Amino acid sequence: ELVAEFYNTFSNVTFLIFGPLMMFLMHAYAQKRSRYIYGVCALF
């Protein structure tokens, strides 16, 4: 009764998994290129 579109809602969990994971995996690159890349992952 609280969730209008159940599958459309919880399929977004992949954003919350891949975002932090890419932030971790791209750490060395972000340190060299631009720390704003962490912001891109956060916005994701």
PDB file of all heavy atoms in Angstrom:
ATOM      1  N   GLU A   1       0.820  -1.213   0.000  1.00  0.00           N
ATOM      2  CA  GLU A   1       0.000   0.000   0.000  1.00  0.00           C
ATOM      3  C   GLU A   1       0.854   1.263   0.000  1.00  0.00           C
ATOM      4  O   GLU A   1       0.349   2.361  -0.257  1.00  0.00           O
ATOM      5  CB  GLU A   1      -0.918   0.015   1.224  1.00  0.00           C
ATOM      6  CG  GLU A   1      -1.959  -1.105   1.233  1.00  0.00           C
ATOM      7  CD  GLU A   1      -2.823  -1.057   2.464  1.00  0.00           C
ATOM      8  OE1 GLU A   1      -2.540  -0.209   3.355  1.00  0.00           O
ATOM      9  OE2 GLU A   1      -3.781  -1.844   2.541  1.00  0.00           O
ATOM     10  N   LEU A   2       2.138   1.108   0.292  1.00  0.00           N
ATOM     11  CA  LEU A   2       3.034   2.259   0.365  1.00  0.00           C
ATOM     12  C   LEU A   2       3.879   2.451  -0.890  1.00  0.00           C
ATOM     13  O   LEU A   2       4.438   3.526  -1.098  1.00  0.00           O
ATOM     14  CB  LEU A   2       3.963   2.119   1.579  1.00  0.00           C
ATOM     15  CG  LEU A   2       3.296   2.074   2.957  1.00  0.00           C
ATOM     16  CD1 LEU A   2       4.339   1.845   4.045  1.00  0.00           C
ATOM     17  CD2 LEU A   2       2.533   3.363   3.220  1.00  0.00           C
ATOM     18  N   VAL A   3       3.979   1.412  -1.707  1.00  0.00           N
ATOM     19  CA  VAL A   3       4.840   1.455  -2.895  1.00  0.00           C
ATOM     20  C   VAL A   3       3.969   1.347  -4.139  1.00  0.00           C
ATOM     21  O   VAL A   3       3.340   0.310  -4.381  1.00  0.00           O
ATOM     22  CB  VAL A   3       5.885   0.322  -2.875  1.00  0.00           C
ATOM     23  CG1 VAL A   3       6.759   0.388  -4.121  1.00  0.00           C
ATOM     24  CG2 VAL A   3       6.734   0.410  -1.619  1.00  0.00           C
ATOM     25  N   ALA A   4       3.950   2.415  -4.931  1.00  0.00           N
ATOM     26  CA  ALA A   4       3.092   2.433  -6.124  1.00  0.00           C
ATOM     27  C   ALA A   4       3.562   1.403  -7.148  1.00  0.00           C
ATOM     28  O   ALA A   4       2.785   0.566  -7.604  1.00  0.00           O
ATOM     29  CB  ALA A   4       3.079   3.834  -6.726  1.00  0.00           C
ATOM     30  N   GLU A   5       4.845   1.491  -7.539  1.00  0.00           N
ATOM     31  CA  GLU A   5       5.399   0.569  -8.530  1.00  0.00           C
ATOM     32  C   GLU A   5       6.531  -0.214  -7.875  1.00  0.00           C
ATOM     33  O   GLU A   5       7.656   0.278  -7.752  1.00  0.00           O
ATOM     34  CB  GLU A   5       5.909   1.347  -9.753  1.00  0.00           C
ATOM     35  CG  GLU A   5       4.803   2.079 -10.491  1.00  0.00           C
ATOM     36  CD  GLU A   5       5.322   2.947 -11.627  1.00  0.00           C
ATOM     37  OE1 GLU A   5       6.527   3.244 -11.654  1.00  0.00           O
ATOM     38  OE2 GLU A   5       4.510   3.317 -12.496  1.00  0.00           O
ATOM     39  N   PHE A   6       6.230  -1.418  -7.467  1.00  0.00           N
ATOM     40  CA  PHE A   6       7.150  -2.200  -6.640  1.00  0.00           C
ATOM     41  C   PHE A   6       8.451  -2.500  -7.372  1.00  0.00           C
ATOM     42  O   PHE A   6       9.541  -2.204  -6.865  1.00  0.00           O
ATOM     43  CB  PHE A   6       6.474  -3.499  -6.212  1.00  0.00           C
ATOM     44  CG  PHE A   6       7.296  -4.330  -5.280  1.00  0.00           C
ATOM     45  CD1 PHE A   6       7.274  -4.104  -3.919  1.00  0.00           C
ATOM     46  CD2 PHE A   6       8.104  -5.362  -5.761  1.00  0.00           C
ATOM     47  CE1 PHE A   6       8.041  -4.863  -3.050  1.00  0.00           C
ATOM     48  CE2 PHE A   6       8.875  -6.124  -4.906  1.00  0.00           C
ATOM     49  CZ  PHE A   6       8.838  -5.880  -3.550  1.00  0.00           C
ATOM     50  N   TYR A   7       8.376  -3.096  -8.558  1.00  0.00           N
ATOM     51  CA  TYR A   7       9.591  -3.500  -9.274  1.00  0.00           C
ATOM     52  C   TYR A   7      10.352  -2.281  -9.799  1.00  0.00           C
ATOM     53  O   TYR A   7      11.593  -2.268  -9.785  1.00  0.00           O
ATOM     54  CB  TYR A   7       9.244  -4.454 -10.419  1.00  0.00           C
ATOM     55  CG  TYR A   7       8.725  -5.786  -9.934  1.00  0.00           C
ATOM     56  CD1 TYR A   7       7.363  -6.087  -9.991  1.00  0.00           C
ATOM     57  CD2 TYR A   7       9.590  -6.732  -9.381  1.00  0.00           C
ATOM     58  CE1 TYR A   7       6.879  -7.304  -9.524  1.00  0.00           C
ATOM     59  CE2 TYR A   7       9.117  -7.953  -8.918  1.00  0.00           C
ATOM     60  CZ  TYR A   7       7.761  -8.226  -8.987  1.00  0.00           C
ATOM     61  OH  TYR A   7       7.284  -9.431  -8.506  1.00  0.00           O
ATOM     62  N   ASN A   8       9.626  -1.277 -10.263  1.00  0.00           N
ATOM     63  CA  ASN A   8      10.297  -0.062 -10.727  1.00  0.00           C
ATOM     64  C   ASN A   8      11.011   0.662  -9.591  1.00  0.00           C
ATOM     65  O   ASN A   8      11.987   1.377  -9.826  1.00  0.00           O
ATOM     66  CB  ASN A   8       9.287   0.886 -11.377  1.00  0.00           C
ATOM     67  CG  ASN A   8       8.828   0.402 -12.736  1.00  0.00           C
ATOM     68  OD1 ASN A   8       9.357  -0.565 -13.282  1.00  0.00           O
ATOM     69  ND2 ASN A   8       7.820   1.062 -13.294  1.00  0.00           N
ATOM     70  N   THR A   9      10.520   0.480  -8.377  1.00  0.00           N
ATOM     71  CA  THR A   9      11.158   1.114  -7.221  1.00  0.00           C
ATOM     72  C   THR A   9      12.439   0.390  -6.830  1.00  0.00           C
ATOM     73  O   THR A   9      13.517   0.991  -6.769  1.00  0.00           O
ATOM     74  CB  THR A   9      10.193   1.141  -6.019  1.00  0.00           C
ATOM     75  OG1 THR A   9       9.051   1.936  -6.339  1.00  0.00           O
ATOM     76  CG2 THR A   9      10.883   1.729  -4.786  1.00  0.00           C
ATOM     77  N   PHE A  10      12.342  -0.905  -6.620  1.00  0.00           N
ATOM     78  CA  PHE A  10      13.473  -1.625  -6.046  1.00  0.00           C
ATOM     79  C   PHE A  10      14.519  -2.047  -7.081  1.00  0.00           C
ATOM     80  O   PHE A  10      15.627  -2.450  -6.700  1.00  0.00           O
ATOM     81  CB  PHE A  10      12.971  -2.831  -5.251  1.00  0.00           C
ATOM     82  CG  PHE A  10      12.253  -2.418  -3.996  1.00  0.00           C
ATOM     83  CD1 PHE A  10      10.867  -2.458  -3.926  1.00  0.00           C
ATOM     84  CD2 PHE A  10      12.959  -1.949  -2.894  1.00  0.00           C
ATOM     85  CE1 PHE A  10      10.206  -2.050  -2.783  1.00  0.00           C
ATOM     86  CE2 PHE A  10      12.304  -1.541  -1.748  1.00  0.00           C
ATOM     87  CZ  PHE A  10      10.921  -1.586  -1.685  1.00  0.00           C
ATOM     88  N   SER A  11      14.216  -1.906  -8.362  1.00  0.00           N
ATOM     89  CA  SER A  11      15.249  -2.165  -9.378  1.00  0.00           C
ATOM     90  C   SER A  11      16.327  -1.096  -9.344  1.00  0.00           C
ATOM     91  O   SER A  11      17.405  -1.283  -9.906  1.00  0.00           O
ATOM     92  CB  SER A  11      14.612  -2.233 -10.771  1.00  0.00           C
ATOM     93  OG  SER A  11      13.904  -1.036 -11.073  1.00  0.00           O
ATOM     94  N   ASN A  12      16.059   0.028  -8.670  1.00  0.00           N
ATOM     95  CA  ASN A  12      17.061   1.089  -8.553  1.00  0.00           C
ATOM     96  C   ASN A  12      18.169   0.757  -7.558  1.00  0.00           C
ATOM     97  O   ASN A  12      19.122   1.540  -7.423  1.00  0.00           O
ATOM     98  CB  ASN A  12      16.386   2.397  -8.132  1.00  0.00           C
ATOM     99  CG  ASN A  12      15.602   3.033  -9.256  1.00  0.00           C
ATOM    100  OD1 ASN A  12      16.160   3.554 -10.211  1.00  0.00           O
ATOM    101  ND2 ASN A  12      14.280   2.987  -9.141  1.00  0.00           N
ATOM    102  N   VAL A  13      18.060  -0.359  -6.869  1.00  0.00           N
ATOM    103  CA  VAL A  13      19.101  -0.718  -5.903  1.00  0.00           C
ATOM    104  C   VAL A  13      20.454  -0.888  -6.595  1.00  0.00           C
ATOM    105  O   VAL A  13      21.507  -0.702  -5.969  1.00  0.00           O
ATOM    106  CB  VAL A  13      18.708  -1.999  -5.135  1.00  0.00           C
ATOM    107  CG1 VAL A  13      18.791  -3.231  -6.038  1.00  0.00           C
ATOM    108  CG2 VAL A  13      19.575  -2.177  -3.898  1.00  0.00           C
ATOM    109  N   THR A  14      20.448  -1.198  -7.899  1.00  0.00           N
ATOM    110  CA  THR A  14      21.720  -1.360  -8.620  1.00  0.00           C
ATOM    111  C   THR A  14      22.510  -0.049  -8.659  1.00  0.00           C
ATOM    112  O   THR A  14      23.739  -0.068  -8.684  1.00  0.00           O
ATOM    113  CB  THR A  14      21.467  -1.854 -10.060  1.00  0.00           C
ATOM    114  OG1 THR A  14      20.476  -1.019 -10.675  1.00  0.00           O
ATOM    115  CG2 THR A  14      20.954  -3.289 -10.059  1.00  0.00           C
ATOM    116  N   PHE A  15      21.811   1.098  -8.659  1.00  0.00           N
ATOM    117  CA  PHE A  15      22.504   2.385  -8.608  1.00  0.00           C
ATOM    118  C   PHE A  15      23.275   2.526  -7.296  1.00  0.00           C
ATOM    119  O   PHE A  15      24.381   3.076  -7.273  1.00  0.00           O
ATOM    120  CB  PHE A  15      21.501   3.539  -8.721  1.00  0.00           C
ATOM    121  CG  PHE A  15      20.906   3.715 -10.086  1.00  0.00           C
ATOM    122  CD1 PHE A  15      19.885   2.882 -10.546  1.00  0.00           C
ATOM    123  CD2 PHE A  15      21.349   4.730 -10.924  1.00  0.00           C
ATOM    124  CE1 PHE A  15      19.322   3.052 -11.802  1.00  0.00           C
ATOM    125  CE2 PHE A  15      20.796   4.913 -12.184  1.00  0.00           C
ATOM    126  CZ  PHE A  15      19.781   4.059 -12.626  1.00  0.00           C
ATOM    127  N   LEU A  16      22.671   2.040  -6.229  1.00  0.00           N
ATOM    128  CA  LEU A  16      23.277   2.170  -4.906  1.00  0.00           C
ATOM    129  C   LEU A  16      24.407   1.168  -4.693  1.00  0.00           C
ATOM    130  O   LEU A  16      25.199   1.310  -3.762  1.00  0.00           O
ATOM    131  CB  LEU A  16      22.211   1.996  -3.825  1.00  0.00           C
ATOM    132  CG  LEU A  16      20.976   2.902  -3.967  1.00  0.00           C
ATOM    133  CD1 LEU A  16      20.007   2.667  -2.818  1.00  0.00           C
ATOM    134  CD2 LEU A  16      21.382   4.364  -4.041  1.00  0.00           C
ATOM    135  N   ILE A  17      24.477   0.157  -5.551  1.00  0.00           N
ATOM    136  CA  ILE A  17      25.571  -0.817  -5.490  1.00  0.00           C
ATOM    137  C   ILE A  17      26.734  -0.367  -6.368  1.00  0.00           C
ATOM    138  O   ILE A  17      27.885  -0.306  -5.934  1.00  0.00           O
ATOM    139  CB  ILE A  17      25.083  -2.213  -5.930  1.00  0.00           C
ATOM    140  CG1 ILE A  17      24.045  -2.749  -4.932  1.00  0.00           C
ATOM    141  CG2 ILE A  17      26.255  -3.185  -6.051  1.00  0.00           C
ATOM    142  CD1 ILE A  17      23.375  -4.040  -5.386  1.00  0.00           C
ATOM    143  N   PHE A  18      26.426  -0.028  -7.626  1.00  0.00           N
ATOM    144  CA  PHE A  18      27.490   0.309  -8.579  1.00  0.00           C
ATOM    145  C   PHE A  18      28.120   1.666  -8.296  1.00  0.00           C
ATOM    146  O   PHE A  18      29.306   1.864  -8.588  1.00  0.00           O
ATOM    147  CB  PHE A  18      26.953   0.272 -10.010  1.00  0.00           C
ATOM    148  CG  PHE A  18      26.506  -1.081 -10.464  1.00  0.00           C
ATOM    149  CD1 PHE A  18      25.491  -1.230 -11.399  1.00  0.00           C
ATOM    150  CD2 PHE A  18      27.105  -2.233  -9.970  1.00  0.00           C
ATOM    151  CE1 PHE A  18      25.071  -2.486 -11.824  1.00  0.00           C
ATOM    152  CE2 PHE A  18      26.696  -3.495 -10.389  1.00  0.00           C
ATOM    153  CZ  PHE A  18      25.682  -3.616 -11.311  1.00  0.00           C
ATOM    154  N   GLY A  19      27.369   2.596  -7.738  1.00  0.00           N
ATOM    155  CA  GLY A  19      27.922   3.922  -7.446  1.00  0.00           C
ATOM    156  C   GLY A  19      29.108   3.870  -6.492  1.00  0.00           C
ATOM    157  O   GLY A  19      30.212   4.311  -6.837  1.00  0.00           O
ATOM    158  N   PRO A  20      28.924   3.335  -5.274  1.00  0.00           N
ATOM    159  CA  PRO A  20      30.062   3.235  -4.348  1.00  0.00           C
ATOM    160  C   PRO A  20      31.176   2.336  -4.873  1.00  0.00           C
ATOM    161  O   PRO A  20      32.358   2.602  -4.635  1.00  0.00           O
ATOM    162  CB  PRO A  20      29.434   2.633  -3.082  1.00  0.00           C
ATOM    163  CG  PRO A  20      27.981   2.896  -3.194  1.00  0.00           C
ATOM    164  CD  PRO A  20      27.673   2.895  -4.664  1.00  0.00           C
ATOM    165  N   LEU A  21      30.795   1.272  -5.597  1.00  0.00           N
ATOM    166  CA  LEU A  21      31.801   0.354  -6.121  1.00  0.00           C
ATOM    167  C   LEU A  21      32.691   1.054  -7.145  1.00  0.00           C
ATOM    168  O   LEU A  21      33.929   0.909  -7.112  1.00  0.00           O
ATOM    169  CB  LEU A  21      31.116  -0.861  -6.744  1.00  0.00           C
ATOM    170  CG  LEU A  21      32.011  -2.006  -7.217  1.00  0.00           C
ATOM    171  CD1 LEU A  21      32.921  -2.492  -6.090  1.00  0.00           C
ATOM    172  CD2 LEU A  21      31.167  -3.159  -7.749  1.00  0.00           C
ATOM    173  N   MET A  22      32.102   1.838  -8.035  1.00  0.00           N
ATOM    174  CA  MET A  22      32.905   2.567  -9.019  1.00  0.00           C
ATOM    175  C   MET A  22      33.736   3.654  -8.350  1.00  0.00           C
ATOM    176  O   MET A  22      34.853   3.940  -8.784  1.00  0.00           O
ATOM    177  CB  MET A  22      31.999   3.158 -10.100  1.00  0.00           C
ATOM    178  CG  MET A  22      31.410   2.129 -11.053  1.00  0.00           C
ATOM    179  SD  MET A  22      32.663   1.096 -11.873  1.00  0.00           S
ATOM    180  CE  MET A  22      33.494   2.310 -12.894  1.00  0.00           C
ATOM    181  N   MET A  23      33.210   4.249  -7.297  1.00  0.00           N
ATOM    182  CA  MET A  23      33.977   5.239  -6.551  1.00  0.00           C
ATOM    183  C   MET A  23      35.247   4.614  -5.983  1.00  0.00           C
ATOM    184  O   MET A  23      36.329   5.210  -6.008  1.00  0.00           O
ATOM    185  CB  MET A  23      33.117   5.816  -5.419  1.00  0.00           C
ATOM    186  CG  MET A  23      33.650   7.087  -4.801  1.00  0.00           C
ATOM    187  SD  MET A  23      32.562   7.729  -3.505  1.00  0.00           S
ATOM    188  CE  MET A  23      31.108   8.186  -4.451  1.00  0.00           C
ATOM    189  N   PHE A  24      35.122   3.377  -5.498  1.00  0.00           N
ATOM    190  CA  PHE A  24      36.273   2.649  -4.959  1.00  0.00           C
ATOM    191  C   PHE A  24      37.222   2.204  -6.071  1.00  0.00           C
ATOM    192  O   PHE A  24      38.443   2.405  -5.981  1.00  0.00           O
ATOM    193  CB  PHE A  24      35.779   1.440  -4.168  1.00  0.00           C
ATOM    194  CG  PHE A  24      36.866   0.475  -3.772  1.00  0.00           C
ATOM    195  CD1 PHE A  24      37.750   0.782  -2.759  1.00  0.00           C
ATOM    196  CD2 PHE A  24      37.007  -0.738  -4.437  1.00  0.00           C
ATOM    197  CE1 PHE A  24      38.767  -0.098  -2.398  1.00  0.00           C
ATOM    198  CE2 PHE A  24      38.013  -1.627  -4.089  1.00  0.00           C
ATOM    199  CZ  PHE A  24      38.901  -1.303  -3.064  1.00  0.00           C
ATOM    200  N   LEU A  25      36.667   1.632  -7.140  1.00  0.00           N
ATOM    201  CA  LEU A  25      37.508   1.097  -8.213  1.00  0.00           C
ATOM    202  C   LEU A  25      38.250   2.185  -8.971  1.00  0.00           C
ATOM    203  O   LEU A  25      39.373   1.972  -9.441  1.00  0.00           O
ATOM    204  CB  LEU A  25      36.650   0.280  -9.188  1.00  0.00           C
ATOM    205  CG  LEU A  25      36.026  -1.010  -8.643  1.00  0.00           C
ATOM    206  CD1 LEU A  25      35.079  -1.620  -9.664  1.00  0.00           C
ATOM    207  CD2 LEU A  25      37.103  -2.009  -8.243  1.00  0.00           C
ATOM    208  N   MET A  26      37.634   3.359  -9.098  1.00  0.00           N
ATOM    209  CA  MET A  26      38.242   4.457  -9.852  1.00  0.00           C
ATOM    210  C   MET A  26      39.037   5.402  -8.966  1.00  0.00           C
ATOM    211  O   MET A  26      39.419   6.497  -9.408  1.00  0.00           O
ATOM    212  CB  MET A  26      37.146   5.242 -10.589  1.00  0.00           C
ATOM    213  CG  MET A  26      36.369   4.427 -11.613  1.00  0.00           C
ATOM    214  SD  MET A  26      37.324   4.038 -13.107  1.00  0.00           S
ATOM    215  CE  MET A  26      37.202   5.593 -13.992  1.00  0.00           C
ATOM    216  N   HIS A  27      39.326   4.990  -7.735  1.00  0.00           N
ATOM    217  CA  HIS A  27      39.993   5.871  -6.772  1.00  0.00           C
ATOM    218  C   HIS A  27      41.346   6.377  -7.292  1.00  0.00           C
ATOM    219  O   HIS A  27      41.616   7.586  -7.263  1.00  0.00           O
ATOM    220  CB  HIS A  27      40.179   5.137  -5.442  1.00  0.00           C
ATOM    221  CG  HIS A  27      41.020   5.886  -4.457  1.00  0.00           C
ATOM    222  ND1 HIS A  27      40.568   7.011  -3.792  1.00  0.00           N
ATOM    223  CD2 HIS A  27      42.302   5.690  -4.022  1.00  0.00           C
ATOM    224  CE1 HIS A  27      41.526   7.466  -2.998  1.00  0.00           C
ATOM    225  NE2 HIS A  27      42.578   6.686  -3.118  1.00  0.00           N
ATOM    226  N   ALA A  28      42.183   5.468  -7.768  1.00  0.00           N
ATOM    227  CA  ALA A  28      43.521   5.869  -8.234  1.00  0.00           C
ATOM    228  C   ALA A  28      43.420   6.829  -9.419  1.00  0.00           C
ATOM    229  O   ALA A  28      44.161   7.816  -9.492  1.00  0.00           O
ATOM    230  CB  ALA A  28      44.335   4.637  -8.606  1.00  0.00           C
ATOM    231  N   TYR A  29      42.500   6.554 -10.325  1.00  0.00           N
ATOM    232  CA  TYR A  29      42.309   7.429 -11.477  1.00  0.00           C
ATOM    233  C   TYR A  29      41.807   8.803 -11.043  1.00  0.00           C
ATOM    234  O   TYR A  29      42.290   9.837 -11.528  1.00  0.00           O
ATOM    235  CB  TYR A  29      41.321   6.789 -12.451  1.00  0.00           C
ATOM    236  CG  TYR A  29      40.850   7.705 -13.549  1.00  0.00           C
ATOM    237  CD1 TYR A  29      41.676   8.027 -14.622  1.00  0.00           C
ATOM    238  CD2 TYR A  29      39.572   8.262 -13.499  1.00  0.00           C
ATOM    239  CE1 TYR A  29      41.247   8.880 -15.627  1.00  0.00           C
ATOM    240  CE2 TYR A  29      39.137   9.111 -14.496  1.00  0.00           C
ATOM    241  CZ  TYR A  29      39.966   9.425 -15.553  1.00  0.00           C
ATOM    242  OH  TYR A  29      39.532  10.274 -16.548  1.00  0.00           O
ATOM    243  N   ALA A  30      40.844   8.831 -10.126  1.00  0.00           N
ATOM    244  CA  ALA A  30      40.290  10.100  -9.651  1.00  0.00           C
ATOM    245  C   ALA A  30      41.350  10.945  -8.957  1.00  0.00           C
ATOM    246  O   ALA A  30      41.374  12.174  -9.103  1.00  0.00           O
ATOM    247  CB  ALA A  30      39.115   9.842  -8.707  1.00  0.00           C
ATOM    248  N   GLN A  31      42.231  10.294  -8.215  1.00  0.00           N
ATOM    249  CA  GLN A  31      43.300  11.029  -7.539  1.00  0.00           C
ATOM    250  C   GLN A  31      44.226  11.699  -8.546  1.00  0.00           C
ATOM    251  O   GLN A  31      44.756  12.787  -8.302  1.00  0.00           O
ATOM    252  CB  GLN A  31      44.109  10.069  -6.647  1.00  0.00           C
ATOM    253  CG  GLN A  31      43.359   9.550  -5.435  1.00  0.00           C
ATOM    254  CD  GLN A  31      43.096  10.635  -4.407  1.00  0.00           C
ATOM    255  OE1 GLN A  31      43.989  11.397  -4.047  1.00  0.00           O
ATOM    256  NE2 GLN A  31      41.870  10.706  -3.934  1.00  0.00           N
ATOM    257  N   LYS A  32      44.405  11.061  -9.682  1.00  0.00           N
ATOM    258  CA  LYS A  32      45.314  11.587 -10.707  1.00  0.00           C
ATOM    259  C   LYS A  32      44.627  12.592 -11.627  1.00  0.00           C
ATOM    260  O   LYS A  32      45.204  13.622 -11.988  1.00  0.00           O
ATOM    261  CB  LYS A  32      45.856  10.422 -11.546  1.00  0.00           C
ATOM    262  CG  LYS A  32      47.065  10.775 -12.391  1.00  0.00           C
ATOM    263  CD  LYS A  32      48.324  10.886 -11.550  1.00  0.00           C
ATOM    264  CE  LYS A  32      49.549  11.078 -12.421  1.00  0.00           C
ATOM    265  NZ  LYS A  32      50.791  11.175 -11.626  1.00  0.00           N
ATOM    266  N   ARG A  33      43.381  12.304 -12.008  1.00  0.00           N
ATOM    267  CA  ARG A  33      42.683  13.137 -13.012  1.00  0.00           C
ATOM    268  C   ARG A  33      41.877  14.267 -12.363  1.00  0.00           C
ATOM    269  O   ARG A  33      42.100  15.432 -12.629  1.00  0.00           O
ATOM    270  CB  ARG A  33      41.761  12.253 -13.857  1.00  0.00           C
ATOM    271  CG  ARG A  33      40.908  13.016 -14.868  1.00  0.00           C
ATOM    272  CD  ARG A  33      41.767  13.725 -15.890  1.00  0.00           C
ATOM    273  NE  ARG A  33      40.952  14.419 -16.869  1.00  0.00           N
ATOM    274  CZ  ARG A  33      40.529  15.678 -16.757  1.00  0.00           C
ATOM    275  NH1 ARG A  33      40.858  16.393 -15.687  1.00  0.00           N
ATOM    276  NH2 ARG A  33      39.790  16.232 -17.701  1.00  0.00           N
ATOM    277  N   SER A  34      40.905  13.920 -11.522  1.00  0.00           N
ATOM    278  CA  SER A  34      40.070  14.930 -10.875  1.00  0.00           C
ATOM    279  C   SER A  34      39.235  14.274  -9.786  1.00  0.00           C
ATOM    280  O   SER A  34      38.562  13.268 -10.030  1.00  0.00           O
ATOM    281  CB  SER A  34      39.142  15.604 -11.892  1.00  0.00           C
ATOM    282  OG  SER A  34      38.221  16.443 -11.234  1.00  0.00           O
ATOM    283  N   ARG A  35      39.256  14.868  -8.605  1.00  0.00           N
ATOM    284  CA  ARG A  35      38.451  14.333  -7.516  1.00  0.00           C
ATOM    285  C   ARG A  35      36.967  14.600  -7.698  1.00  0.00           C
ATOM    286  O   ARG A  35      36.140  14.066  -6.963  1.00  0.00           O
ATOM    287  CB  ARG A  35      38.951  14.906  -6.182  1.00  0.00           C
ATOM    288  CG  ARG A  35      40.367  14.435  -5.840  1.00  0.00           C
ATOM    289  CD  ARG A  35      40.822  14.886  -4.486  1.00  0.00           C
ATOM    290  NE  ARG A  35      42.185  14.428  -4.213  1.00  0.00           N
ATOM    291  CZ  ARG A  35      42.833  14.660  -3.085  1.00  0.00           C
ATOM    292  NH1 ARG A  35      42.245  15.368  -2.116  1.00  0.00           N
ATOM    293  NH2 ARG A  35      44.067  14.210  -2.910  1.00  0.00           N
ATOM    294  N   TYR A  36      36.620  15.429  -8.677  1.00  0.00           N
ATOM    295  CA  TYR A  36      35.212  15.644  -8.988  1.00  0.00           C
ATOM    296  C   TYR A  36      34.554  14.362  -9.498  1.00  0.00           C
ATOM    297  O   TYR A  36      33.322  14.266  -9.548  1.00  0.00           O
ATOM    298  CB  TYR A  36      35.063  16.756 -10.024  1.00  0.00           C
ATOM    299  CG  TYR A  36      35.347  18.139  -9.479  1.00  0.00           C
ATOM    300  CD1 TYR A  36      36.423  18.882  -9.952  1.00  0.00           C
ATOM    301  CD2 TYR A  36      34.546  18.695  -8.482  1.00  0.00           C
ATOM    302  CE1 TYR A  36      36.694  20.150  -9.454  1.00  0.00           C
ATOM    303  CE2 TYR A  36      34.808  19.959  -7.980  1.00  0.00           C
ATOM    304  CZ  TYR A  36      35.881  20.678  -8.461  1.00  0.00           C
ATOM    305  OH  TYR A  36      36.148  21.927  -7.956  1.00  0.00           O
ATOM    306  N   ILE A  37      35.374  13.386  -9.882  1.00  0.00           N
ATOM    307  CA  ILE A  37      34.829  12.103 -10.330  1.00  0.00           C
ATOM    308  C   ILE A  37      34.082  11.415  -9.193  1.00  0.00           C
ATOM    309  O   ILE A  37      33.088  10.710  -9.421  1.00  0.00           O
ATOM    310  CB  ILE A  37      35.972  11.214 -10.872  1.00  0.00           C
ATOM    311  CG1 ILE A  37      36.479  11.819 -12.195  1.00  0.00           C
ATOM    312  CG2 ILE A  37      35.523   9.774 -11.099  1.00  0.00           C
ATOM    313  CD1 ILE A  37      37.797  11.293 -12.661  1.00  0.00           C
ATOM    314  N   TYR A  38      34.518  11.636  -7.952  1.00  0.00           N
ATOM    315  CA  TYR A  38      33.750  11.119  -6.818  1.00  0.00           C
ATOM    316  C   TYR A  38      32.348  11.727  -6.811  1.00  0.00           C
ATOM    317  O   TYR A  38      31.364  11.068  -6.458  1.00  0.00           O
ATOM    318  CB  TYR A  38      34.452  11.447  -5.500  1.00  0.00           C
ATOM    319  CG  TYR A  38      35.821  10.834  -5.340  1.00  0.00           C
ATOM    320  CD1 TYR A  38      36.921  11.625  -5.005  1.00  0.00           C
ATOM    321  CD2 TYR A  38      36.022   9.472  -5.520  1.00  0.00           C
ATOM    322  CE1 TYR A  38      38.186  11.069  -4.857  1.00  0.00           C
ATOM    323  CE2 TYR A  38      37.286   8.911  -5.380  1.00  0.00           C
ATOM    324  CZ  TYR A  38      38.365   9.714  -5.046  1.00  0.00           C
ATOM    325  OH  TYR A  38      39.613   9.157  -4.891  1.00  0.00           O
ATOM    326  N   GLY A  39      32.261  13.001  -7.198  1.00  0.00           N
ATOM    327  CA  GLY A  39      30.963  13.668  -7.265  1.00  0.00           C
ATOM    328  C   GLY A  39      30.054  13.053  -8.313  1.00  0.00           C
ATOM    329  O   GLY A  39      28.838  12.966  -8.118  1.00  0.00           O
ATOM    330  N   VAL A  40      30.638  12.623  -9.449  1.00  0.00           N
ATOM    331  CA  VAL A  40      29.847  11.958 -10.486  1.00  0.00           C
ATOM    332  C   VAL A  40      29.238  10.673  -9.938  1.00  0.00           C
ATOM    333  O   VAL A  40      28.047  10.394 -10.134  1.00  0.00           O
ATOM    334  CB  VAL A  40      30.718  11.668 -11.722  1.00  0.00           C
ATOM    335  CG1 VAL A  40      29.931  10.870 -12.756  1.00  0.00           C
ATOM    336  CG2 VAL A  40      31.231  12.964 -12.339  1.00  0.00           C
ATOM    337  N   CYS A  41      30.044   9.894  -9.221  1.00  0.00           N
ATOM    338  CA  CYS A  41      29.550   8.649  -8.634  1.00  0.00           C
ATOM    339  C   CYS A  41      28.475   8.930  -7.579  1.00  0.00           C
ATOM    340  O   CYS A  41      27.483   8.204  -7.472  1.00  0.00           O
ATOM    341  CB  CYS A  41      30.693   7.862  -8.014  1.00  0.00           C
ATOM    342  SG  CYS A  41      31.918   7.255  -9.205  1.00  0.00           S
ATOM    343  N   ALA A  42      28.676   9.992  -6.799  1.00  0.00           N
ATOM    344  CA  ALA A  42      27.689  10.363  -5.781  1.00  0.00           C
ATOM    345  C   ALA A  42      26.371  10.771  -6.438  1.00  0.00           C
ATOM    346  O   ALA A  42      25.284  10.389  -5.982  1.00  0.00           O
ATOM    347  CB  ALA A  42      28.233  11.488  -4.909  1.00  0.00           C
ATOM    348  N   LEU A  43      26.449  11.548  -7.529  1.00  0.00           N
ATOM    349  CA  LEU A  43      25.236  11.946  -8.249  1.00  0.00           C
ATOM    350  C   LEU A  43      24.526  10.735  -8.841  1.00  0.00           C
ATOM    351  O   LEU A  43      23.286  10.692  -8.891  1.00  0.00           O
ATOM    352  CB  LEU A  43      25.589  12.939  -9.359  1.00  0.00           C
ATOM    353  CG  LEU A  43      25.726  14.403  -8.939  1.00  0.00           C
ATOM    354  CD1 LEU A  43      26.296  15.237 -10.086  1.00  0.00           C
ATOM    355  CD2 LEU A  43      24.380  14.965  -8.504  1.00  0.00           C
ATOM    356  N   PHE A  44      25.292   9.747  -9.280  1.00  0.00           N
ATOM    357  CA  PHE A  44      24.705   8.515  -9.800  1.00  0.00           C
ATOM    358  C   PHE A  44      23.868   7.831  -8.719  1.00  0.00           C
ATOM    359  O   PHE A  44      22.757   7.352  -8.988  1.00  0.00           O
ATOM    360  CB  PHE A  44      25.823   7.596 -10.291  1.00  0.00           C
ATOM    361  CG  PHE A  44      25.348   6.290 -10.866  1.00  0.00           C
ATOM    362  CD1 PHE A  44      24.708   6.249 -12.081  1.00  0.00           C
ATOM    363  CD2 PHE A  44      25.567   5.106 -10.186  1.00  0.00           C
ATOM    364  CE1 PHE A  44      24.284   5.038 -12.621  1.00  0.00           C
ATOM    365  CE2 PHE A  44      25.157   3.900 -10.706  1.00  0.00           C
ATOM    366  CZ  PHE A  44      24.516   3.865 -11.928  1.00  0.00           C
TER     367      PHE A  44
END
